[in-house]
N, C-alpha and C. Protein backbone atom coordinates (compact mmCIF):
# COMPACT_ATOMS: atom_id res chain seq x y z
N MET A 1 -18.59 43.99 -36.22
CA MET A 1 -17.79 44.52 -35.37
C MET A 1 -18.05 43.71 -33.87
N ARG A 2 -19.21 43.50 -33.47
CA ARG A 2 -19.21 42.72 -32.35
C ARG A 2 -18.80 41.49 -32.46
N ARG A 3 -18.99 40.78 -33.38
CA ARG A 3 -18.17 39.54 -33.57
C ARG A 3 -16.80 39.50 -33.36
N ASP A 4 -16.24 40.28 -33.97
CA ASP A 4 -14.76 40.79 -33.89
C ASP A 4 -14.44 40.88 -32.42
N LEU A 5 -15.09 41.67 -31.82
CA LEU A 5 -14.70 41.75 -30.21
C LEU A 5 -14.87 40.47 -29.61
N VAL A 6 -15.82 39.76 -29.87
CA VAL A 6 -16.04 38.50 -29.18
C VAL A 6 -14.78 37.37 -29.42
N ARG A 7 -14.41 37.61 -30.70
CA ARG A 7 -13.31 36.67 -31.14
C ARG A 7 -11.98 37.17 -30.48
N GLU A 8 -11.67 38.40 -30.30
CA GLU A 8 -10.85 38.93 -29.87
C GLU A 8 -10.53 38.45 -28.42
N LYS A 9 -11.95 38.81 -27.60
CA LYS A 9 -11.80 38.26 -25.95
C LYS A 9 -11.53 36.81 -26.17
N ALA A 10 -12.23 35.98 -26.87
CA ALA A 10 -11.74 34.58 -26.88
C ALA A 10 -10.15 34.15 -27.12
N GLU A 11 -9.64 34.99 -27.89
CA GLU A 11 -8.25 34.69 -28.18
C GLU A 11 -7.39 35.26 -27.23
N LEU A 12 -7.93 36.37 -26.35
CA LEU A 12 -7.19 36.73 -25.27
C LEU A 12 -7.33 35.80 -24.19
N ASP A 13 -8.46 35.17 -23.94
CA ASP A 13 -8.65 34.36 -22.79
C ASP A 13 -7.75 33.19 -23.03
N ARG A 14 -7.73 32.45 -24.27
CA ARG A 14 -6.96 31.35 -24.54
C ARG A 14 -5.27 31.76 -24.24
N ARG A 15 -4.89 32.89 -24.77
CA ARG A 15 -3.50 33.31 -24.37
C ARG A 15 -3.07 33.32 -22.93
N SER A 16 -4.41 34.00 -22.07
CA SER A 16 -4.10 34.50 -20.83
C SER A 16 -4.22 33.14 -19.76
N PHE A 17 -5.15 32.20 -20.28
CA PHE A 17 -5.61 31.23 -19.75
C PHE A 17 -5.28 29.90 -20.49
N PRO A 18 -4.04 29.53 -20.82
CA PRO A 18 -3.88 28.43 -21.72
C PRO A 18 -4.41 27.16 -21.07
N LEU A 19 -4.53 26.87 -19.79
CA LEU A 19 -5.03 25.56 -19.34
C LEU A 19 -6.54 25.62 -19.16
N ALA A 20 -7.22 26.67 -19.59
CA ALA A 20 -8.67 26.68 -19.25
C ALA A 20 -9.49 25.71 -19.87
N LYS A 21 -8.86 25.06 -21.13
CA LYS A 21 -9.79 24.12 -21.59
C LYS A 21 -9.49 22.74 -20.89
N GLU A 22 -8.10 22.57 -20.64
CA GLU A 22 -7.82 21.51 -19.91
C GLU A 22 -8.67 21.38 -18.19
N ARG A 23 -8.53 22.58 -17.67
CA ARG A 23 -9.29 22.29 -16.33
C ARG A 23 -10.86 21.99 -16.46
N THR A 24 -11.40 22.34 -17.52
CA THR A 24 -13.11 22.15 -17.88
C THR A 24 -13.27 20.81 -18.01
N LYS A 25 -12.23 19.92 -18.89
CA LYS A 25 -12.30 18.62 -19.06
C LYS A 25 -12.13 18.01 -17.57
N ALA A 26 -11.03 18.50 -16.85
CA ALA A 26 -10.71 17.79 -15.66
C ALA A 26 -11.80 17.99 -14.63
N ASP A 27 -12.53 19.01 -14.70
CA ASP A 27 -13.71 19.31 -13.91
C ASP A 27 -14.71 18.49 -14.11
N ALA A 28 -15.04 17.93 -15.39
CA ALA A 28 -16.08 17.43 -15.97
C ALA A 28 -15.66 15.81 -15.48
N LEU A 29 -14.48 15.33 -15.30
CA LEU A 29 -14.25 14.03 -14.54
C LEU A 29 -14.04 13.90 -13.20
N CYS A 30 -14.13 14.99 -12.65
CA CYS A 30 -14.27 15.18 -11.05
C CYS A 30 -15.33 15.78 -10.41
N MET A 31 -16.47 15.23 -11.09
CA MET A 31 -17.93 15.96 -10.60
C MET A 31 -18.24 15.39 -9.28
N LEU A 32 -18.57 16.25 -8.56
CA LEU A 32 -18.82 16.14 -7.14
C LEU A 32 -20.32 15.18 -7.06
N SER A 33 -20.08 14.20 -6.49
CA SER A 33 -20.97 13.33 -6.18
C SER A 33 -21.09 12.98 -4.50
N ILE A 34 -22.15 13.23 -4.11
CA ILE A 34 -22.49 13.12 -2.78
C ILE A 34 -23.63 12.27 -2.56
N ARG A 35 -23.41 11.14 -2.08
CA ARG A 35 -24.64 10.00 -2.10
C ARG A 35 -25.08 9.87 -0.62
N HIS A 36 -24.12 9.78 0.31
CA HIS A 36 -23.99 9.59 1.83
C HIS A 36 -23.51 10.47 2.36
N ILE A 37 -24.23 11.29 3.49
CA ILE A 37 -23.74 12.23 4.34
C ILE A 37 -23.74 11.66 5.78
N LEU A 38 -22.83 11.83 6.57
CA LEU A 38 -22.69 11.58 7.91
C LEU A 38 -22.94 12.75 8.75
N VAL A 39 -23.67 12.91 9.78
CA VAL A 39 -23.95 13.83 10.76
C VAL A 39 -23.95 13.60 12.08
N PRO A 40 -22.73 13.61 12.73
CA PRO A 40 -22.63 13.44 14.13
C PRO A 40 -23.33 14.83 14.87
N ILE A 41 -24.20 14.02 15.92
CA ILE A 41 -24.95 15.18 16.62
C ILE A 41 -24.72 15.06 18.11
N ASP A 42 -24.66 16.29 18.87
CA ASP A 42 -24.71 15.99 20.43
C ASP A 42 -25.78 16.76 21.30
N PHE A 43 -26.92 16.96 20.27
CA PHE A 43 -28.22 17.42 20.89
C PHE A 43 -28.02 18.70 21.32
N THR A 44 -27.15 19.73 20.72
CA THR A 44 -27.10 21.01 20.80
C THR A 44 -27.77 21.56 19.81
N GLU A 45 -27.93 23.01 20.11
CA GLU A 45 -28.54 23.92 18.87
C GLU A 45 -27.58 23.92 17.45
N THR A 46 -26.23 23.94 17.88
CA THR A 46 -25.36 23.84 16.97
C THR A 46 -25.31 22.65 15.85
N SER A 47 -25.52 21.37 16.76
CA SER A 47 -25.70 20.05 15.85
C SER A 47 -27.00 20.07 15.14
N ASP A 48 -28.05 20.63 15.80
CA ASP A 48 -29.43 20.81 14.95
C ASP A 48 -29.31 21.69 13.92
N LYS A 49 -28.52 22.62 13.87
CA LYS A 49 -28.42 23.49 12.75
C LYS A 49 -27.44 22.48 11.65
N ALA A 50 -26.37 21.77 12.00
CA ALA A 50 -25.77 21.18 11.17
C ALA A 50 -26.59 20.33 10.30
N LEU A 51 -27.48 19.50 11.39
CA LEU A 51 -28.16 18.40 10.64
C LEU A 51 -29.34 18.99 9.36
N ASP A 52 -30.13 20.11 9.90
CA ASP A 52 -30.95 20.83 8.91
C ASP A 52 -30.02 21.48 7.67
N PHE A 53 -28.85 21.56 7.84
CA PHE A 53 -28.05 21.99 6.60
C PHE A 53 -27.75 20.71 5.85
N ALA A 54 -27.38 19.67 6.33
CA ALA A 54 -27.15 18.43 5.81
C ALA A 54 -28.26 17.88 5.07
N ILE A 55 -29.56 18.04 5.74
CA ILE A 55 -30.84 17.76 5.04
C ILE A 55 -30.93 18.70 3.69
N GLU A 56 -30.91 19.80 3.62
CA GLU A 56 -31.06 20.45 2.66
C GLU A 56 -29.96 20.15 1.56
N LEU A 57 -28.92 19.84 2.15
CA LEU A 57 -27.81 19.39 1.04
C LEU A 57 -28.10 17.99 0.42
N ALA A 58 -28.66 17.07 1.21
CA ALA A 58 -29.18 16.11 0.76
C ALA A 58 -30.36 15.74 -0.19
N GLN A 59 -31.22 16.89 0.10
CA GLN A 59 -32.17 17.03 -0.82
C GLN A 59 -31.82 17.65 -2.36
N LYS A 60 -30.86 18.29 -2.21
CA LYS A 60 -30.41 18.88 -3.63
C LYS A 60 -29.37 17.74 -4.34
N PHE A 61 -28.86 16.69 -3.76
CA PHE A 61 -28.12 15.70 -4.19
C PHE A 61 -28.76 14.20 -4.09
N ASN A 62 -29.82 14.28 -3.78
CA ASN A 62 -30.61 12.95 -3.56
C ASN A 62 -29.79 12.17 -2.80
N ALA A 63 -29.45 12.38 -1.49
CA ALA A 63 -28.43 11.69 -0.77
C ALA A 63 -29.06 11.12 0.38
N PHE A 64 -28.42 10.08 1.13
CA PHE A 64 -28.79 9.69 2.26
C PHE A 64 -27.99 10.15 3.44
N ILE A 65 -28.57 9.91 4.69
CA ILE A 65 -28.18 10.66 5.79
C ILE A 65 -27.83 9.36 6.73
N THR A 66 -26.79 9.44 7.45
CA THR A 66 -26.85 9.00 8.87
C THR A 66 -26.32 9.55 9.79
N VAL A 67 -27.46 9.77 10.89
CA VAL A 67 -27.32 10.66 11.90
C VAL A 67 -26.69 9.79 13.08
N MET A 68 -25.74 10.22 13.77
CA MET A 68 -24.91 9.49 14.78
C MET A 68 -24.75 10.28 15.95
N HIS A 69 -24.78 9.45 17.16
CA HIS A 69 -24.27 10.23 18.36
C HIS A 69 -23.18 9.16 19.20
N ALA A 70 -22.15 9.50 19.62
CA ALA A 70 -21.42 8.72 20.49
C ALA A 70 -21.33 9.40 21.72
N TYR A 71 -21.52 8.59 22.94
CA TYR A 71 -21.52 8.89 24.02
C TYR A 71 -20.29 8.00 24.96
N GLU A 72 -19.95 8.38 26.01
CA GLU A 72 -18.93 8.07 26.78
C GLU A 72 -19.41 7.63 28.15
N ILE A 73 -19.39 6.39 28.67
CA ILE A 73 -19.88 6.06 30.16
C ILE A 73 -18.70 6.66 30.92
N PRO A 74 -18.96 7.49 32.11
CA PRO A 74 -17.83 8.21 32.77
C PRO A 74 -16.92 7.09 33.49
N VAL A 75 -15.74 7.35 33.64
CA VAL A 75 -15.01 6.68 34.33
C VAL A 75 -14.05 7.68 35.10
N ILE A 76 -13.96 7.63 36.36
CA ILE A 76 -13.50 8.54 37.26
C ILE A 76 -12.00 7.86 38.02
N GLY A 77 -10.89 8.48 37.56
CA GLY A 77 -9.58 8.05 38.04
C GLY A 77 -9.35 8.72 39.13
N PHE A 78 -8.67 7.48 40.04
CA PHE A 78 -7.96 8.02 41.32
C PHE A 78 -6.64 7.41 41.26
N PRO A 79 -5.97 7.95 42.29
CA PRO A 79 -4.34 7.21 42.31
C PRO A 79 -4.36 5.74 42.79
N ASP A 80 -5.56 5.44 43.65
CA ASP A 80 -5.62 3.88 43.84
C ASP A 80 -6.52 3.17 43.17
N GLY A 81 -7.12 3.97 42.05
CA GLY A 81 -8.09 2.90 41.18
C GLY A 81 -8.92 3.94 40.61
N ALA A 82 -9.96 3.39 39.97
CA ALA A 82 -10.95 3.99 39.10
C ALA A 82 -12.46 3.87 39.77
N LEU A 83 -13.35 4.61 39.24
CA LEU A 83 -14.72 4.54 39.73
C LEU A 83 -15.33 4.42 38.36
N VAL A 84 -15.97 3.20 38.20
CA VAL A 84 -16.93 3.44 36.92
C VAL A 84 -18.15 3.30 37.18
N ALA A 85 -18.96 3.72 36.32
CA ALA A 85 -20.40 3.80 36.42
C ALA A 85 -21.05 2.33 36.56
N THR A 86 -22.14 2.34 37.29
CA THR A 86 -22.85 1.03 37.45
C THR A 86 -23.68 0.54 36.09
N VAL A 87 -23.89 -0.50 36.14
CA VAL A 87 -24.69 -0.89 34.94
C VAL A 87 -26.18 -0.15 34.62
N ASP A 88 -26.44 0.00 36.02
CA ASP A 88 -27.87 0.66 35.51
C ASP A 88 -27.63 2.45 35.25
N VAL A 89 -26.72 3.06 35.70
CA VAL A 89 -26.25 4.50 35.15
C VAL A 89 -25.67 4.25 33.69
N ALA A 90 -25.11 3.15 33.06
CA ALA A 90 -24.61 3.09 31.89
C ALA A 90 -25.91 2.73 31.05
N THR A 91 -26.80 2.14 31.57
CA THR A 91 -28.07 1.77 30.62
C THR A 91 -28.99 2.96 30.71
N ARG A 92 -28.93 3.92 31.64
CA ARG A 92 -29.77 5.05 31.70
C ARG A 92 -29.03 5.93 30.67
N ILE A 93 -27.74 6.21 30.50
CA ILE A 93 -27.03 6.84 29.58
C ILE A 93 -27.40 6.66 28.22
N GLN A 94 -27.22 5.30 27.98
CA GLN A 94 -27.67 4.56 26.74
C GLN A 94 -28.87 4.90 26.43
N ASP A 95 -29.95 4.71 27.06
CA ASP A 95 -31.44 4.96 26.79
C ASP A 95 -31.72 6.31 26.59
N ALA A 96 -31.12 7.36 27.16
CA ALA A 96 -31.36 8.80 27.05
C ALA A 96 -30.69 9.26 25.95
N ALA A 97 -29.64 8.53 25.27
CA ALA A 97 -28.87 8.90 24.07
C ALA A 97 -29.69 8.24 22.82
N LYS A 98 -29.98 7.20 23.05
CA LYS A 98 -31.37 6.73 22.05
C LYS A 98 -32.12 7.33 22.08
N LYS A 99 -32.91 7.97 22.95
CA LYS A 99 -34.23 8.66 22.75
C LYS A 99 -33.75 10.13 22.09
N GLY A 100 -32.97 10.69 22.36
CA GLY A 100 -32.46 11.70 21.85
C GLY A 100 -32.16 11.70 20.41
N LEU A 101 -31.28 10.65 20.03
CA LEU A 101 -31.11 10.40 18.63
C LEU A 101 -32.60 10.12 17.78
N ASN A 102 -33.21 9.15 18.36
CA ASN A 102 -34.52 8.97 17.70
C ASN A 102 -35.57 10.09 17.59
N ALA A 103 -35.52 10.99 18.55
CA ALA A 103 -36.19 12.38 18.28
C ALA A 103 -35.56 13.25 17.46
N ALA A 104 -34.33 13.40 17.20
CA ALA A 104 -33.67 14.14 16.23
C ALA A 104 -34.21 13.77 15.09
N VAL A 105 -34.04 12.50 14.63
CA VAL A 105 -34.40 12.11 13.21
C VAL A 105 -35.90 11.80 13.15
N SER A 106 -36.61 11.49 14.09
CA SER A 106 -37.95 11.69 13.75
C SER A 106 -38.63 13.10 13.79
N ALA A 107 -38.06 13.87 14.10
CA ALA A 107 -38.56 15.42 13.82
C ALA A 107 -38.43 15.88 12.42
N ARG A 108 -37.52 15.21 11.82
CA ARG A 108 -37.05 15.72 10.36
C ARG A 108 -37.69 14.63 9.61
N GLY A 109 -38.34 13.75 9.90
CA GLY A 109 -38.79 12.58 9.17
C GLY A 109 -39.63 13.00 7.92
N GLU A 110 -40.22 13.94 7.83
CA GLU A 110 -41.13 14.60 6.98
C GLU A 110 -40.50 15.52 5.63
N ARG A 111 -39.29 15.33 5.80
CA ARG A 111 -38.47 16.37 4.78
C ARG A 111 -37.76 15.74 3.58
N GLY A 112 -38.35 14.54 3.41
CA GLY A 112 -38.05 13.68 2.10
C GLY A 112 -36.94 13.26 2.04
N VAL A 113 -36.13 13.15 3.04
CA VAL A 113 -34.81 12.58 2.91
C VAL A 113 -34.71 11.37 3.69
N LYS A 114 -33.97 10.30 3.07
CA LYS A 114 -33.79 8.97 3.85
C LYS A 114 -32.81 9.13 4.95
N MET A 115 -33.23 8.69 6.15
CA MET A 115 -32.31 8.89 7.20
C MET A 115 -32.16 7.57 8.05
N GLU A 116 -31.13 7.26 8.55
CA GLU A 116 -30.95 6.27 9.62
C GLU A 116 -30.00 6.64 10.82
N SER A 117 -30.18 6.13 11.99
CA SER A 117 -29.60 6.54 13.24
C SER A 117 -28.37 5.57 13.60
N VAL A 118 -27.35 6.03 14.07
CA VAL A 118 -26.40 5.01 14.83
C VAL A 118 -25.91 5.58 16.08
N LEU A 119 -26.03 4.66 16.90
CA LEU A 119 -25.50 5.28 18.38
C LEU A 119 -24.16 4.34 18.58
N ARG A 120 -23.24 4.89 19.29
CA ARG A 120 -21.87 4.32 19.41
C ARG A 120 -21.57 4.85 20.92
N ASP A 121 -20.77 4.02 21.64
CA ASP A 121 -20.34 4.09 22.92
C ASP A 121 -18.80 4.20 22.72
N GLY A 122 -18.27 5.21 23.02
CA GLY A 122 -16.94 5.60 22.85
C GLY A 122 -16.49 7.14 22.54
N VAL A 123 -15.27 7.55 22.47
CA VAL A 123 -15.00 8.83 22.39
C VAL A 123 -15.32 9.38 21.15
N ALA A 124 -16.00 10.42 21.20
CA ALA A 124 -16.76 10.77 19.84
C ALA A 124 -16.01 10.78 18.70
N TRP A 125 -14.76 11.65 18.55
CA TRP A 125 -14.00 11.90 17.30
C TRP A 125 -13.85 10.46 16.71
N GLU A 126 -13.44 9.67 17.72
CA GLU A 126 -13.08 8.33 17.23
C GLU A 126 -14.25 7.28 16.56
N GLU A 127 -15.31 7.59 17.25
CA GLU A 127 -16.59 6.76 16.73
C GLU A 127 -16.89 7.44 15.48
N ILE A 128 -16.83 8.79 15.22
CA ILE A 128 -17.23 9.42 14.12
C ILE A 128 -16.20 8.74 13.00
N ARG A 129 -15.06 8.83 13.22
CA ARG A 129 -14.30 8.50 12.17
C ARG A 129 -14.50 7.14 11.67
N ALA A 130 -14.68 6.20 12.69
CA ALA A 130 -15.15 4.70 12.48
C ALA A 130 -16.24 4.42 11.66
N VAL A 131 -17.35 5.41 11.95
CA VAL A 131 -18.61 5.11 11.30
C VAL A 131 -18.32 5.81 10.06
N ALA A 132 -17.63 6.78 9.79
CA ALA A 132 -17.53 7.27 8.23
C ALA A 132 -16.76 6.56 7.45
N GLU A 133 -15.80 5.72 8.14
CA GLU A 133 -15.05 4.68 7.28
C GLU A 133 -15.88 3.51 7.09
N GLU A 134 -16.57 3.02 8.01
CA GLU A 134 -17.65 1.79 7.74
C GLU A 134 -18.70 2.02 6.85
N SER A 135 -19.29 3.37 6.90
CA SER A 135 -20.44 3.39 6.16
C SER A 135 -20.08 3.93 4.60
N LYS A 136 -18.40 4.25 4.49
CA LYS A 136 -18.07 4.84 3.36
C LYS A 136 -18.80 6.34 3.03
N ALA A 137 -18.93 7.13 3.98
CA ALA A 137 -19.81 8.45 3.81
C ALA A 137 -18.87 9.39 2.72
N ASP A 138 -19.51 10.11 1.94
CA ASP A 138 -19.08 10.83 0.90
C ASP A 138 -18.46 12.40 1.78
N LEU A 139 -19.36 12.68 2.86
CA LEU A 139 -19.32 13.76 3.34
C LEU A 139 -19.64 13.81 4.76
N ILE A 140 -19.01 14.47 5.69
CA ILE A 140 -19.37 14.65 7.10
C ILE A 140 -19.62 16.13 7.26
N VAL A 141 -20.79 16.42 7.92
CA VAL A 141 -21.33 17.67 8.33
C VAL A 141 -21.50 17.73 9.68
N ILE A 142 -20.73 18.52 10.39
CA ILE A 142 -20.46 18.62 11.80
C ILE A 142 -20.54 19.91 12.42
N GLY A 143 -21.20 20.13 13.66
CA GLY A 143 -21.38 21.43 14.09
C GLY A 143 -20.21 21.74 14.75
N THR A 144 -19.78 23.03 15.30
CA THR A 144 -18.74 23.11 16.24
C THR A 144 -19.25 24.62 17.15
N HIS A 145 -18.86 24.39 18.18
CA HIS A 145 -19.23 25.54 19.33
C HIS A 145 -18.48 26.65 19.01
N GLY A 146 -17.05 26.60 18.73
CA GLY A 146 -16.30 27.74 18.73
C GLY A 146 -15.78 28.09 19.99
N ARG A 147 -15.64 26.99 20.54
CA ARG A 147 -14.92 27.38 22.16
C ARG A 147 -13.37 27.82 21.98
N ARG A 148 -12.86 28.64 22.94
CA ARG A 148 -11.57 29.06 22.80
C ARG A 148 -11.02 28.77 24.14
N GLY A 149 -9.89 29.40 24.46
CA GLY A 149 -8.93 29.30 25.68
C GLY A 149 -9.10 28.07 26.62
N ILE A 150 -9.50 28.33 27.83
CA ILE A 150 -9.50 27.15 28.68
C ILE A 150 -10.66 26.14 28.54
N ALA A 151 -11.85 26.57 28.14
CA ALA A 151 -13.17 25.80 27.74
C ALA A 151 -12.45 24.80 26.69
N ARG A 152 -11.84 25.27 25.49
CA ARG A 152 -11.27 24.40 24.29
C ARG A 152 -10.38 23.42 24.99
N ALA A 153 -9.51 24.01 25.86
CA ALA A 153 -8.53 23.00 26.53
C ALA A 153 -9.17 22.09 27.31
N LEU A 154 -10.24 22.25 28.04
CA LEU A 154 -10.81 21.39 29.03
C LEU A 154 -11.90 20.51 28.19
N LEU A 155 -12.31 20.96 27.28
CA LEU A 155 -13.49 20.10 26.84
C LEU A 155 -13.06 19.75 25.12
N GLY A 156 -11.98 20.22 24.79
CA GLY A 156 -11.48 19.51 23.38
C GLY A 156 -12.13 19.91 22.34
N SER A 157 -11.93 19.70 21.06
CA SER A 157 -12.61 19.90 19.82
C SER A 157 -13.07 18.74 19.06
N VAL A 158 -14.21 18.23 19.14
CA VAL A 158 -14.35 17.05 18.56
C VAL A 158 -14.24 17.37 17.00
N ALA A 159 -14.89 18.58 16.60
CA ALA A 159 -14.81 18.88 15.14
C ALA A 159 -13.28 18.90 14.56
N GLU A 160 -12.17 19.59 15.35
CA GLU A 160 -11.00 19.59 15.07
C GLU A 160 -10.45 18.38 14.85
N ASN A 161 -10.65 17.26 16.05
CA ASN A 161 -10.10 16.02 15.97
C ASN A 161 -10.67 15.13 14.54
N VAL A 162 -11.78 15.51 14.20
CA VAL A 162 -12.44 14.90 13.10
C VAL A 162 -11.93 15.29 11.91
N ILE A 163 -11.73 16.65 11.79
CA ILE A 163 -11.15 17.08 10.47
C ILE A 163 -9.65 16.51 10.29
N ARG A 164 -8.99 16.52 11.52
CA ARG A 164 -7.30 15.93 11.37
C ARG A 164 -7.26 14.54 11.24
N THR A 165 -8.20 13.62 11.52
CA THR A 165 -8.00 12.24 11.32
C THR A 165 -9.00 11.57 10.28
N VAL A 166 -9.89 12.12 9.72
CA VAL A 166 -10.42 11.34 8.75
C VAL A 166 -10.13 11.62 7.28
N LYS A 167 -10.40 10.58 6.36
CA LYS A 167 -10.12 11.05 4.86
C LYS A 167 -11.47 11.57 4.25
N THR A 168 -12.40 11.47 4.82
CA THR A 168 -13.68 11.83 4.27
C THR A 168 -13.56 13.64 4.28
N PRO A 169 -14.18 14.27 3.01
CA PRO A 169 -14.41 15.73 3.51
C PRO A 169 -15.21 15.97 4.46
N VAL A 170 -14.82 17.06 5.29
CA VAL A 170 -15.69 17.59 6.56
C VAL A 170 -16.41 18.87 6.08
N MET A 171 -17.63 19.31 6.14
CA MET A 171 -17.90 20.41 6.35
C MET A 171 -18.48 20.80 7.71
N VAL A 172 -17.98 22.18 8.29
CA VAL A 172 -17.96 22.56 9.35
C VAL A 172 -19.10 23.51 9.50
N ILE A 173 -20.15 23.69 10.22
CA ILE A 173 -21.45 24.46 10.52
C ILE A 173 -21.13 25.18 12.02
N HIS A 174 -20.89 26.56 11.73
CA HIS A 174 -20.53 27.17 13.09
C HIS A 174 -21.74 27.51 13.78
N GLY A 175 -21.84 27.43 15.17
CA GLY A 175 -22.95 27.78 15.83
C GLY A 175 -22.41 29.01 16.88
N PRO A 176 -23.19 29.50 17.69
CA PRO A 176 -22.79 30.61 18.70
C PRO A 176 -21.55 30.20 19.51
N ARG A 177 -20.77 31.36 19.58
CA ARG A 177 -19.65 30.88 20.51
C ARG A 177 -19.96 30.85 21.86
N ASP A 178 -19.32 29.74 22.67
CA ASP A 178 -19.60 29.97 24.03
C ASP A 178 -18.47 30.77 25.22
């Protein structure tokens, strides 16, 4: 009796879902393979959370992580010209960014995941896109602050621009709303 019920259910499944067998074959061909994860950070609690999540993911997939930070040298425009940071200021900004990036990576060095760090000078979302393409990352894990209204209009959304412009899949980790 029980075997008859199982057969009836299998037959019903075949009739109700005629492509189920084909989907299973297609799924086997499209197995998710994550070998390289790119994690852009901005030294906030939200980006720390994204990095920690990426490390857990990398442990499960035996993946490699590139932790990157992009900074911009401030340029202030005036109607008559522009004020550019001095070499000393630019060097201090770069040194502070390098120190923060190295600290983020070394603090998580004992977690059994191979990591490298990349520091770039430029617009954050453009540099993230460039590093993703150059390194052939399989996944980008990025934190977002969830800003709204005027704060978002003034500060923009790096995560949103990354999602809109990269070909690589992006996983967004939400932090507390500002």
